C-alpha cells in the first residue's frame, strides 16, 4: 500500500463546499435526495468491505475500518442536517401569520 503525500492544505480540498447549491436552478429536494443516495452508497461500500474482510477476499482491516468510519461520519452528518431541517420547519410552523 502506497501512502500519498498531502498538499499544503492537509488534503482537505475534497471537502470544498459551494454555497448556493450545487447547480443553478436545482431544487432543494433534488439536492437532498442526491445527498441521501450518496450516504446510502457509502453505507453499501462499508457493508461490502465488511463482507470482503470476513470472507477473506483480500480486504485490508485498515481499509475496512476507514470505510466504516466514513459511513458513520456521513450518516451522523446526514442526521444532523435532518435535525436542523426539522427544527427550522417547527420554528416556521410556530410563526404567527
N, C-alpha and C. Protein backbone atom coordinates (compact mmCIF):
# COMPACT_ATOMS: atom_id res chain seq x y z
N UNK A 1 0.85 -1.18 0.00
CA UNK A 1 0.00 0.00 0.00
C UNK A 1 0.89 1.23 0.00
N UNK A 2 0.63 2.11 -0.92
CA UNK A 2 1.43 3.32 -1.04
C UNK A 2 0.73 4.48 -0.34
N UNK A 3 1.48 5.25 0.42
CA UNK A 3 0.92 6.40 1.12
C UNK A 3 1.12 7.64 0.27
N UNK A 4 0.05 8.33 -0.02
CA UNK A 4 0.09 9.54 -0.85
C UNK A 4 0.37 10.76 0.01
N UNK A 5 1.28 11.63 -0.40
CA UNK A 5 1.53 12.85 0.37
C UNK A 5 0.37 13.82 0.23
N UNK A 6 0.18 14.61 1.27
CA UNK A 6 -0.87 15.62 1.23
C UNK A 6 -0.29 16.96 0.85
N UNK A 7 -1.13 17.83 0.34
CA UNK A 7 -0.69 19.16 -0.05
C UNK A 7 -0.63 20.09 1.14
N UNK A 8 -0.36 21.37 0.89
CA UNK A 8 -0.25 22.32 1.98
C UNK A 8 -1.54 22.51 2.77
N UNK A 9 -2.67 22.16 2.18
CA UNK A 9 -3.95 22.29 2.88
C UNK A 9 -4.26 21.07 3.72
N UNK A 10 -3.39 20.10 3.73
CA UNK A 10 -3.65 18.89 4.51
C UNK A 10 -4.60 17.94 3.83
N UNK A 11 -4.76 18.06 2.52
CA UNK A 11 -5.62 17.16 1.78
C UNK A 11 -7.11 17.42 1.96
N UNK A 12 -7.47 18.62 2.34
CA UNK A 12 -8.87 18.92 2.62
C UNK A 12 -9.60 19.48 1.40
N UNK A 13 -8.98 19.47 0.20
CA UNK A 13 -9.65 20.03 -0.98
C UNK A 13 -10.92 19.26 -1.32
N UNK A 14 -10.98 17.97 -0.97
CA UNK A 14 -12.15 17.17 -1.31
C UNK A 14 -13.39 17.59 -0.54
N UNK A 15 -13.23 18.36 0.53
CA UNK A 15 -14.36 18.78 1.34
C UNK A 15 -14.80 20.19 1.01
N UNK A 16 -14.44 20.67 -0.17
CA UNK A 16 -14.80 22.01 -0.60
C UNK A 16 -16.32 22.11 -0.73
N UNK A 17 -16.89 23.15 -0.18
CA UNK A 17 -18.33 23.35 -0.20
C UNK A 17 -18.65 24.62 -0.97
N UNK A 18 -19.58 24.52 -1.88
CA UNK A 18 -20.01 25.69 -2.61
C UNK A 18 -21.34 26.16 -2.04
N UNK A 19 -21.43 27.42 -1.74
CA UNK A 19 -22.66 27.97 -1.20
C UNK A 19 -23.64 28.23 -2.33
N UNK A 20 -24.91 28.15 -2.01
CA UNK A 20 -25.94 28.45 -3.00
C UNK A 20 -26.37 27.25 -3.82
N UNK A 21 -26.06 26.05 -3.40
CA UNK A 21 -26.48 24.86 -4.13
C UNK A 21 -25.41 24.40 -5.09
N UNK A 22 -25.54 23.18 -5.54
CA UNK A 22 -24.51 22.63 -6.40
C UNK A 22 -24.69 23.03 -7.86
N UNK A 23 -25.92 23.23 -8.31
CA UNK A 23 -26.17 23.62 -9.70
C UNK A 23 -27.22 24.72 -9.71
N UNK A 24 -27.09 25.67 -10.60
CA UNK A 24 -28.10 26.73 -10.67
C UNK A 24 -29.47 26.16 -11.05
N UNK A 25 -30.49 26.56 -10.34
CA UNK A 25 -31.84 26.12 -10.64
C UNK A 25 -32.20 24.76 -10.09
N UNK A 26 -31.29 24.10 -9.39
CA UNK A 26 -31.58 22.79 -8.83
C UNK A 26 -32.38 22.95 -7.55
N UNK A 27 -33.42 22.16 -7.38
CA UNK A 27 -34.28 22.31 -6.22
C UNK A 27 -33.63 21.72 -4.97
N UNK A 28 -34.08 22.20 -3.84
CA UNK A 28 -33.57 21.71 -2.56
C UNK A 28 -33.86 20.23 -2.40
N UNK A 29 -35.04 19.82 -2.84
CA UNK A 29 -35.42 18.41 -2.73
C UNK A 29 -34.48 17.51 -3.52
N UNK A 30 -34.11 17.91 -4.72
CA UNK A 30 -33.21 17.08 -5.52
C UNK A 30 -31.81 17.02 -4.90
N UNK A 31 -31.35 18.13 -4.33
CA UNK A 31 -30.05 18.14 -3.65
C UNK A 31 -30.10 17.21 -2.44
N UNK A 32 -31.19 17.27 -1.69
CA UNK A 32 -31.36 16.41 -0.53
C UNK A 32 -31.41 14.94 -0.92
N UNK A 33 -32.14 14.63 -1.98
CA UNK A 33 -32.22 13.24 -2.45
C UNK A 33 -30.86 12.72 -2.91
N UNK A 34 -30.11 13.55 -3.61
CA UNK A 34 -28.78 13.14 -4.06
C UNK A 34 -27.86 12.88 -2.87
N UNK A 35 -27.97 13.71 -1.86
CA UNK A 35 -27.14 13.54 -0.67
C UNK A 35 -27.49 12.24 0.06
N UNK A 36 -28.76 11.95 0.17
CA UNK A 36 -29.19 10.72 0.83
C UNK A 36 -28.71 9.51 0.04
N UNK A 37 -28.79 9.57 -1.29
CA UNK A 37 -28.31 8.47 -2.13
C UNK A 37 -26.80 8.28 -1.97
N UNK A 38 -26.07 9.39 -1.83
CA UNK A 38 -24.62 9.29 -1.64
C UNK A 38 -24.28 8.63 -0.31
N UNK A 39 -25.00 9.01 0.75
CA UNK A 39 -24.77 8.38 2.06
C UNK A 39 -25.13 6.90 1.99
N UNK A 40 -26.19 6.57 1.30
CA UNK A 40 -26.58 5.17 1.13
C UNK A 40 -25.48 4.39 0.40
N UNK A 41 -24.91 5.00 -0.61
CA UNK A 41 -23.82 4.35 -1.34
C UNK A 41 -22.61 4.11 -0.46
N UNK A 42 -22.29 5.08 0.39
CA UNK A 42 -21.16 4.93 1.31
C UNK A 42 -21.44 3.80 2.30
N UNK A 43 -22.69 3.69 2.76
CA UNK A 43 -23.07 2.61 3.66
C UNK A 43 -22.91 1.25 2.97
N UNK A 44 -23.30 1.17 1.70
CA UNK A 44 -23.18 -0.08 0.96
C UNK A 44 -21.72 -0.47 0.76
N UNK A 45 -20.87 0.52 0.50
CA UNK A 45 -19.44 0.24 0.35
C UNK A 45 -18.87 -0.31 1.66
N UNK A 46 -19.29 0.26 2.78
CA UNK A 46 -18.82 -0.22 4.09
C UNK A 46 -19.30 -1.65 4.34
N UNK A 47 -20.56 -1.93 4.00
CA UNK A 47 -21.08 -3.29 4.16
C UNK A 47 -20.31 -4.29 3.31
N UNK A 48 -20.03 -3.90 2.06
CA UNK A 48 -19.27 -4.79 1.17
C UNK A 48 -17.86 -4.99 1.68
N UNK A 49 -17.29 -3.94 2.24
CA UNK A 49 -15.94 -4.02 2.80
C UNK A 49 -15.90 -5.01 3.97
N UNK A 50 -16.92 -4.99 4.81
CA UNK A 50 -17.01 -5.95 5.92
C UNK A 50 -17.13 -7.37 5.39
N UNK A 51 -17.99 -7.56 4.40
CA UNK A 51 -18.17 -8.90 3.83
C UNK A 51 -16.87 -9.41 3.21
N UNK A 52 -16.15 -8.52 2.52
CA UNK A 52 -14.88 -8.92 1.92
C UNK A 52 -13.86 -9.30 2.98
N UNK A 53 -13.86 -8.58 4.08
CA UNK A 53 -12.93 -8.89 5.16
C UNK A 53 -13.25 -10.24 5.80
N UNK A 54 -14.53 -10.48 6.05
CA UNK A 54 -14.95 -11.72 6.72
C UNK A 54 -14.71 -12.93 5.81
N UNK A 55 -14.97 -12.78 4.53
CA UNK A 55 -14.81 -13.92 3.62
C UNK A 55 -13.37 -14.09 3.14
N UNK A 56 -12.48 -13.14 3.50
CA UNK A 56 -11.08 -13.28 3.14
C UNK A 56 -10.77 -12.95 1.69
N UNK A 57 -11.48 -12.03 1.10
CA UNK A 57 -11.26 -11.66 -0.30
C UNK A 57 -10.15 -10.61 -0.45
N UNK A 58 -9.21 -10.61 0.47
CA UNK A 58 -8.07 -9.71 0.34
C UNK A 58 -8.31 -8.31 0.87
N UNK A 59 -9.40 -8.08 1.55
CA UNK A 59 -9.69 -6.76 2.10
C UNK A 59 -8.83 -6.52 3.33
N UNK A 60 -8.18 -5.37 3.39
CA UNK A 60 -7.33 -4.99 4.50
C UNK A 60 -8.18 -4.51 5.67
N UNK A 61 -7.79 -4.84 6.88
CA UNK A 61 -8.53 -4.43 8.07
C UNK A 61 -8.58 -2.91 8.18
N UNK A 62 -7.47 -2.25 7.85
CA UNK A 62 -7.43 -0.79 7.94
C UNK A 62 -8.41 -0.14 6.97
N UNK A 63 -8.46 -0.65 5.76
CA UNK A 63 -9.38 -0.10 4.76
C UNK A 63 -10.83 -0.33 5.18
N UNK A 64 -11.08 -1.47 5.81
CA UNK A 64 -12.43 -1.75 6.30
C UNK A 64 -12.81 -0.76 7.39
N UNK A 65 -11.91 -0.50 8.31
CA UNK A 65 -12.19 0.45 9.39
C UNK A 65 -12.38 1.86 8.85
N UNK A 66 -11.60 2.24 7.85
CA UNK A 66 -11.76 3.57 7.24
C UNK A 66 -13.12 3.67 6.58
N UNK A 67 -13.54 2.62 5.87
CA UNK A 67 -14.86 2.63 5.22
C UNK A 67 -15.97 2.72 6.26
N UNK A 68 -15.81 2.01 7.38
CA UNK A 68 -16.82 2.05 8.44
C UNK A 68 -16.91 3.45 9.07
N UNK A 69 -15.77 4.06 9.34
CA UNK A 69 -15.78 5.40 9.93
C UNK A 69 -16.34 6.43 8.96
N UNK A 70 -16.01 6.29 7.68
CA UNK A 70 -16.55 7.21 6.68
C UNK A 70 -18.07 7.09 6.63
N UNK A 71 -18.57 5.86 6.67
CA UNK A 71 -20.01 5.64 6.66
C UNK A 71 -20.66 6.21 7.92
N UNK A 72 -20.02 6.01 9.06
CA UNK A 72 -20.56 6.51 10.32
C UNK A 72 -20.62 8.03 10.34
N UNK A 73 -19.54 8.67 9.93
CA UNK A 73 -19.50 10.14 9.94
C UNK A 73 -20.49 10.72 8.94
N UNK A 74 -20.59 10.12 7.76
CA UNK A 74 -21.54 10.65 6.78
C UNK A 74 -22.98 10.48 7.26
N UNK A 75 -23.27 9.38 7.94
CA UNK A 75 -24.61 9.17 8.49
C UNK A 75 -24.90 10.18 9.60
N UNK A 76 -23.92 10.42 10.47
CA UNK A 76 -24.11 11.40 11.55
C UNK A 76 -24.34 12.79 10.98
N UNK A 77 -23.60 13.14 9.93
CA UNK A 77 -23.79 14.44 9.29
C UNK A 77 -25.19 14.54 8.67
N UNK A 78 -25.62 13.48 8.00
CA UNK A 78 -26.95 13.48 7.41
C UNK A 78 -28.03 13.65 8.47
N UNK A 79 -27.88 12.97 9.60
CA UNK A 79 -28.87 13.09 10.67
C UNK A 79 -28.83 14.48 11.30
N UNK A 80 -27.67 15.08 11.38
CA UNK A 80 -27.56 16.43 11.91
C UNK A 80 -28.27 17.43 11.00
N UNK A 81 -28.07 17.28 9.70
CA UNK A 81 -28.76 18.15 8.74
C UNK A 81 -30.26 17.93 8.82
N UNK A 82 -30.68 16.68 8.93
CA UNK A 82 -32.11 16.37 9.06
C UNK A 82 -32.70 17.04 10.29
N UNK A 83 -31.99 16.96 11.42
CA UNK A 83 -32.48 17.59 12.65
C UNK A 83 -32.59 19.10 12.51
N UNK A 84 -31.64 19.71 11.82
CA UNK A 84 -31.69 21.16 11.60
C UNK A 84 -32.89 21.52 10.72
N UNK A 85 -33.16 20.71 9.71
CA UNK A 85 -34.30 20.97 8.83
C UNK A 85 -35.60 20.84 9.60
N UNK A 86 -35.72 19.81 10.42
CA UNK A 86 -36.93 19.62 11.23
C UNK A 86 -37.11 20.78 12.20
N UNK A 87 -36.02 21.21 12.85
CA UNK A 87 -36.11 22.35 13.77
C UNK A 87 -36.54 23.62 13.06
N UNK A 88 -36.01 23.84 11.86
CA UNK A 88 -36.39 25.03 11.09
C UNK A 88 -37.87 24.96 10.71
N UNK A 89 -38.34 23.78 10.30
CA UNK A 89 -39.75 23.63 9.94
C UNK A 89 -40.64 23.89 11.15
N UNK A 90 -40.27 23.34 12.30
CA UNK A 90 -41.07 23.56 13.51
C UNK A 90 -41.09 25.03 13.90
N UNK A 91 -39.97 25.70 13.76
CA UNK A 91 -39.91 27.12 14.09
C UNK A 91 -40.78 27.93 13.14
N UNK A 92 -40.76 27.60 11.86
CA UNK A 92 -41.59 28.31 10.89
C UNK A 92 -43.06 28.05 11.15
N UNK A 93 -43.40 26.80 11.51
CA UNK A 93 -44.81 26.48 11.76
C UNK A 93 -45.34 27.16 13.01
N UNK A 94 -44.48 27.54 13.93
CA UNK A 94 -44.93 28.26 15.14
C UNK A 94 -45.11 29.76 14.91
N UNK A 95 -44.62 30.25 13.77
CA UNK A 95 -44.75 31.69 13.50
C UNK A 95 -46.19 32.07 13.26
N UNK A 96 -46.56 33.23 13.77
CA UNK A 96 -47.91 33.71 13.52
C UNK A 96 -47.95 34.48 12.22
N UNK A 97 -49.00 34.19 11.46
CA UNK A 97 -49.11 34.83 10.14
C UNK A 97 -50.02 36.01 10.20
